[in-house]
Amino acid sequence: MYVLIKTRKLALAALCTAMLPLSTASAQQATEIQISYSNGQFQPREVRAPADKPVVFRIRNLDGKAMELESTSLRVEKVVAAKSQGVINIRALKAGRYEFYDDFNEKARGALVVE
């Protein structure tokens, strides 16, 4: 029994080690975009990213209330608490314009332009 448990632990460790370089490689390929949310608006309102590469959105909510970045075309929905940060990982996208907004304040709109 002891040998079986030890063998399973070693197999799990080998699997985790094998997956680590893949995760690191995927993270290196992502385009990181930083936006902020203040006074009920996204800054900048329009951001750009290359096509066919994953995107990481880092959002700093500077307002005193929560906001929710939402987009049907990006297939994302993320609540960011007041005075905090959030991260959204977005799959690789084809070229196009992907709009997003604050679900708590629909006047706050932005776009990701993928080229």
C-alpha atoms as a PDB file:
ATOM      1  CA  MET A   1       0.000   0.000   0.000  1.00  0.00           C
ATOM      2  CA  TYR A   2       2.835   2.387   0.941  1.00  0.00           C
ATOM      3  CA  VAL A   3       4.573   1.744  -2.402  1.00  0.00           C
ATOM      4  CA  LEU A   4       1.352   2.400  -4.339  1.00  0.00           C
ATOM      5  CA  ILE A   5       0.767   5.757  -2.582  1.00  0.00           C
ATOM      6  CA  LYS A   6       4.396   6.778  -3.072  1.00  0.00           C
ATOM      7  CA  THR A   7       4.223   5.832  -6.783  1.00  0.00           C
ATOM      8  CA  ARG A   8       1.069   7.925  -7.253  1.00  0.00           C
ATOM      9  CA  LYS A   9       2.693  10.927  -5.544  1.00  0.00           C
ATOM     10  CA  LEU A  10       5.734  10.640  -7.819  1.00  0.00           C
ATOM     11  CA  ALA A  11       3.527  10.368 -10.903  1.00  0.00           C
ATOM     12  CA  LEU A  12       1.558  13.446  -9.825  1.00  0.00           C
ATOM     13  CA  ALA A  13       4.762  15.396  -9.183  1.00  0.00           C
ATOM     14  CA  ALA A  14       6.117  14.431 -12.616  1.00  0.00           C
ATOM     15  CA  LEU A  15       2.855  15.503 -14.266  1.00  0.00           C
ATOM     16  CA  CYS A  16       2.885  18.878 -12.472  1.00  0.00           C
ATOM     17  CA  THR A  17       6.513  19.450 -13.435  1.00  0.00           C
ATOM     18  CA  ALA A  18       5.769  18.607 -17.067  1.00  0.00           C
ATOM     19  CA  MET A  19       2.867  21.082 -17.170  1.00  0.00           C
ATOM     20  CA  LEU A  20       4.796  23.977 -15.587  1.00  0.00           C
ATOM     21  CA  PRO A  21       6.818  24.973 -18.669  1.00  0.00           C
ATOM     22  CA  LEU A  22       3.633  24.923 -20.781  1.00  0.00           C
ATOM     23  CA  SER A  23       1.851  27.262 -18.355  1.00  0.00           C
ATOM     24  CA  THR A  24       4.826  29.602 -18.276  1.00  0.00           C
ATOM     25  CA  ALA A  25       5.072  29.586 -22.082  1.00  0.00           C
ATOM     26  CA  SER A  26       1.360  30.409 -22.422  1.00  0.00           C
ATOM     27  CA  ALA A  27       1.653  33.274 -19.954  1.00  0.00           C
ATOM     28  CA  GLN A  28       4.617  34.711 -21.878  1.00  0.00           C
ATOM     29  CA  GLN A  29       2.635  34.822 -25.117  1.00  0.00           C
ATOM     30  CA  ALA A  30      -0.257  36.812 -23.638  1.00  0.00           C
ATOM     31  CA  THR A  31      -0.543  40.521 -24.330  1.00  0.00           C
ATOM     32  CA  GLU A  32      -1.022  42.407 -21.082  1.00  0.00           C
ATOM     33  CA  ILE A  33      -3.292  45.438 -21.131  1.00  0.00           C
ATOM     34  CA  GLN A  34      -3.752  47.738 -18.174  1.00  0.00           C
ATOM     35  CA  ILE A  35      -6.843  49.884 -17.840  1.00  0.00           C
ATOM     36  CA  SER A  36      -8.266  51.861 -14.988  1.00  0.00           C
ATOM     37  CA  TYR A  37     -11.798  52.751 -14.000  1.00  0.00           C
ATOM     38  CA  SER A  38     -12.408  56.121 -12.380  1.00  0.00           C
ATOM     39  CA  ASN A  39     -15.230  58.658 -12.305  1.00  0.00           C
ATOM     40  CA  GLY A  40     -17.437  56.029 -13.934  1.00  0.00           C
ATOM     41  CA  GLN A  41     -15.274  55.687 -17.069  1.00  0.00           C
ATOM     42  CA  PHE A  42     -12.632  53.327 -18.463  1.00  0.00           C
ATOM     43  CA  GLN A  43      -9.218  54.827 -19.163  1.00  0.00           C
ATOM     44  CA  PRO A  44      -8.199  54.409 -21.896  1.00  0.00           C
ATOM     45  CA  ARG A  45     -11.525  53.790 -23.578  1.00  0.00           C
ATOM     46  CA  GLU A  46      -9.980  51.919 -26.478  1.00  0.00           C
ATOM     47  CA  VAL A  47      -7.060  49.489 -26.306  1.00  0.00           C
ATOM     48  CA  ARG A  48      -5.341  47.408 -28.980  1.00  0.00           C
ATOM     49  CA  ALA A  49      -3.925  43.895 -29.070  1.00  0.00           C
ATOM     50  CA  PRO A  50      -2.490  41.577 -31.715  1.00  0.00           C
ATOM     51  CA  ALA A  51      -4.704  38.873 -33.233  1.00  0.00           C
ATOM     52  CA  ASP A  52      -4.361  35.215 -32.320  1.00  0.00           C
ATOM     53  CA  LYS A  53      -2.706  35.852 -28.960  1.00  0.00           C
ATOM     54  CA  PRO A  54      -4.314  35.624 -25.533  1.00  0.00           C
ATOM     55  CA  VAL A  55      -4.889  38.876 -23.663  1.00  0.00           C
ATOM     56  CA  VAL A  56      -4.631  39.607 -19.963  1.00  0.00           C
ATOM     57  CA  PHE A  57      -6.661  42.600 -18.770  1.00  0.00           C
ATOM     58  CA  ARG A  58      -5.457  44.166 -15.519  1.00  0.00           C
ATOM     59  CA  ILE A  59      -8.144  46.506 -14.231  1.00  0.00           C
ATOM     60  CA  ARG A  60      -7.629  49.022 -11.440  1.00  0.00           C
ATOM     61  CA  ASN A  61     -10.896  50.261 -10.024  1.00  0.00           C
ATOM     62  CA  LEU A  62     -10.119  53.658  -8.508  1.00  0.00           C
ATOM     63  CA  ASP A  63     -13.757  54.481  -7.733  1.00  0.00           C
ATOM     64  CA  GLY A  64     -15.432  54.135  -4.360  1.00  0.00           C
ATOM     65  CA  LYS A  65     -17.913  51.528  -5.595  1.00  0.00           C
ATOM     66  CA  ALA A  66     -17.679  48.183  -7.356  1.00  0.00           C
ATOM     67  CA  MET A  67     -17.790  47.885 -11.137  1.00  0.00           C
ATOM     68  CA  GLU A  68     -18.417  44.919 -13.422  1.00  0.00           C
ATOM     69  CA  LEU A  69     -16.581  44.676 -16.713  1.00  0.00           C
ATOM     70  CA  GLU A  70     -18.866  42.740 -19.027  1.00  0.00           C
ATOM     71  CA  SER A  71     -18.759  41.803 -22.696  1.00  0.00           C
ATOM     72  CA  THR A  72     -20.793  39.303 -24.661  1.00  0.00           C
ATOM     73  CA  SER A  73     -18.321  39.269 -27.562  1.00  0.00           C
ATOM     74  CA  LEU A  74     -15.347  38.721 -25.241  1.00  0.00           C
ATOM     75  CA  ARG A  75     -17.365  36.277 -23.136  1.00  0.00           C
ATOM     76  CA  VAL A  76     -16.224  37.896 -19.896  1.00  0.00           C
ATOM     77  CA  GLU A  77     -17.886  39.150 -16.764  1.00  0.00           C
ATOM     78  CA  LYS A  78     -15.775  40.300 -13.846  1.00  0.00           C
ATOM     79  CA  VAL A  79     -16.719  42.287 -10.748  1.00  0.00           C
ATOM     80  CA  VAL A  80     -13.921  44.438  -9.354  1.00  0.00           C
ATOM     81  CA  ALA A  81     -14.491  45.764  -5.860  1.00  0.00           C
ATOM     82  CA  ALA A  82     -13.998  49.435  -5.002  1.00  0.00           C
ATOM     83  CA  LYS A  83     -10.378  50.558  -4.728  1.00  0.00           C
ATOM     84  CA  SER A  84      -9.007  47.220  -5.889  1.00  0.00           C
ATOM     85  CA  GLN A  85      -7.692  45.377  -8.920  1.00  0.00           C
ATOM     86  CA  GLY A  86      -8.923  42.517 -11.070  1.00  0.00           C
ATOM     87  CA  VAL A  87      -7.430  40.309 -13.744  1.00  0.00           C
ATOM     88  CA  ILE A  88      -9.280  38.850 -16.721  1.00  0.00           C
ATOM     89  CA  ASN A  89      -7.722  36.262 -19.009  1.00  0.00           C
ATOM     90  CA  ILE A  90      -9.101  36.358 -22.531  1.00  0.00           C
ATOM     91  CA  ARG A  91      -8.575  33.661 -25.134  1.00  0.00           C
ATOM     92  CA  ALA A  92      -6.759  34.405 -28.403  1.00  0.00           C
ATOM     93  CA  LEU A  93      -9.059  36.432 -30.641  1.00  0.00           C
ATOM     94  CA  LYS A  94      -9.522  37.017 -34.350  1.00  0.00           C
ATOM     95  CA  ALA A  95      -9.149  40.562 -35.679  1.00  0.00           C
ATOM     96  CA  GLY A  96     -12.110  42.758 -34.861  1.00  0.00           C
ATOM     97  CA  ARG A  97     -13.633  45.200 -32.422  1.00  0.00           C
ATOM     98  CA  TYR A  98     -14.823  43.820 -29.081  1.00  0.00           C
ATOM     99  CA  GLU A  99     -16.882  46.195 -26.962  1.00  0.00           C
ATOM    100  CA  PHE A 100     -17.166  46.052 -23.173  1.00  0.00           C
ATOM    101  CA  TYR A 101     -19.017  48.064 -20.518  1.00  0.00           C
ATOM    102  CA  ASP A 102     -19.612  48.395 -16.804  1.00  0.00           C
ATOM    103  CA  ASP A 103     -22.743  46.407 -16.028  1.00  0.00           C
ATOM    104  CA  PHE A 104     -23.435  48.691 -13.046  1.00  0.00           C
ATOM    105  CA  ASN A 105     -23.035  51.851 -15.174  1.00  0.00           C
ATOM    106  CA  GLU A 106     -23.839  51.233 -18.834  1.00  0.00           C
ATOM    107  CA  LYS A 107     -22.595  54.724 -19.788  1.00  0.00           C
ATOM    108  CA  ALA A 108     -19.072  53.456 -19.118  1.00  0.00           C
ATOM    109  CA  ARG A 109     -18.006  51.801 -22.355  1.00  0.00           C
ATOM    110  CA  GLY A 110     -14.758  50.678 -23.904  1.00  0.00           C
ATOM    111  CA  ALA A 111     -13.411  48.573 -26.738  1.00  0.00           C
ATOM    112  CA  LEU A 112     -10.630  46.126 -27.434  1.00  0.00           C
ATOM    113  CA  VAL A 113      -9.458  46.405 -31.042  1.00  0.00           C
ATOM    114  CA  VAL A 114      -7.670  43.263 -32.190  1.00  0.00           C
ATOM    115  CA  GLU A 115      -5.493  43.688 -35.283  1.00  0.00           C
END
